[in-house]
Amino acid sequence: MVKIAIIGSKGFIGKHIEWYLRQRGEKEIFTYDCVDSNELNYRKVDLSSEESVHTIDVNFLLDLRVLLLGSIK
């Protein structure tokens, strides 16, 4: 199973990407944004702070071609 990170998950695009991936049955989705939230697998991150950015787990495989083009049939 692939781990997926969504940075900016509380924004318009991030919310819809997360919804789409959950509809596809993806289980390991980790979300990041600059607002507080109690959601599972969510971490508050300030992208203007280098220290905060280093808390993002970079062990993710993200292929936007599969994400964006995989739904076109």
Protein backbone atom coordinates (compact mmCIF):
# COMPACT_ATOMS: atom_id res chain seq x y z
CA MET A 1 0.00 0.00 0.00
CA VAL A 2 1.22 3.49 -0.84
CA LYS A 3 1.47 6.27 1.75
CA ILE A 4 0.07 9.55 0.43
CA ALA A 5 0.79 13.05 1.77
CA ILE A 6 -1.48 15.97 1.00
CA ILE A 7 0.09 19.31 1.87
CA GLY A 8 -2.55 22.02 1.98
CA SER A 9 -5.29 19.55 2.84
CA LYS A 10 -7.70 22.16 4.21
CA GLY A 11 -7.73 24.19 0.98
CA PHE A 12 -10.13 23.76 -1.92
CA ILE A 13 -7.95 21.44 -3.99
CA GLY A 14 -6.54 19.53 -1.02
CA LYS A 15 -9.99 18.73 0.39
CA HIS A 16 -11.16 17.40 -2.95
CA ILE A 17 -8.03 15.34 -3.53
CA GLU A 18 -8.41 13.78 -0.08
CA TRP A 19 -12.09 13.01 -0.74
CA TYR A 20 -11.26 11.47 -4.12
CA LEU A 21 -8.51 9.27 -2.69
CA ARG A 22 -10.73 8.06 0.15
CA GLN A 23 -13.44 7.19 -2.40
CA ARG A 24 -10.83 5.10 -4.24
CA GLY A 25 -10.20 3.20 -1.02
CA GLU A 26 -6.80 4.63 -0.14
CA LYS A 27 -6.08 4.01 3.55
CA GLU A 28 -2.72 5.66 4.31
CA ILE A 29 -3.45 9.34 3.69
CA PHE A 30 -1.52 11.86 5.78
CA THR A 31 -2.66 15.47 5.64
CA TYR A 32 -0.82 18.70 6.43
CA ASP A 33 -1.96 22.31 6.64
CA CYS A 34 -1.50 25.46 8.73
CA VAL A 35 -4.74 25.25 10.73
CA ASP A 36 -5.57 23.23 13.84
CA SER A 37 -7.47 19.97 13.42
CA ASN A 38 -8.09 16.82 15.44
CA GLU A 39 -8.32 14.55 12.40
CA LEU A 40 -6.47 11.25 12.31
CA ASN A 41 -3.13 11.41 10.43
CA TYR A 42 -3.19 15.24 10.35
CA ARG A 43 -0.31 17.49 11.33
CA LYS A 44 -0.25 21.26 11.52
CA VAL A 45 2.63 22.62 9.42
CA ASP A 46 3.69 26.19 8.71
CA LEU A 47 5.37 26.18 5.29
CA SER A 48 7.05 29.51 6.05
CA SER A 49 8.97 27.88 8.92
CA GLU A 50 11.90 25.64 7.99
CA GLU A 51 11.70 23.88 11.35
CA SER A 52 8.02 23.11 10.83
CA VAL A 53 8.59 21.86 7.27
CA HIS A 54 11.14 19.36 8.55
CA THR A 55 8.36 17.63 10.52
CA ILE A 56 6.75 16.47 7.26
CA ASP A 57 7.37 12.76 6.67
CA VAL A 58 9.19 12.70 3.34
CA ASN A 59 8.95 8.93 2.90
CA PHE A 60 6.04 9.22 0.50
CA LEU A 61 5.65 8.12 -3.09
CA LEU A 62 3.46 10.59 -4.93
CA ASP A 63 2.74 10.23 -8.61
CA LEU A 64 0.39 12.99 -9.73
CA ARG A 65 0.07 11.41 -13.16
CA VAL A 66 -1.67 8.40 -11.62
CA LEU A 67 -3.75 10.61 -9.36
CA LEU A 68 -4.88 13.03 -12.03
CA LEU A 69 -4.86 10.90 -15.16
CA GLY A 70 -5.93 7.65 -13.54
CA SER A 71 -9.53 8.86 -13.34
CA ILE A 72 -9.73 9.67 -17.06
CA LYS A 73 -11.02 6.69 -19.00
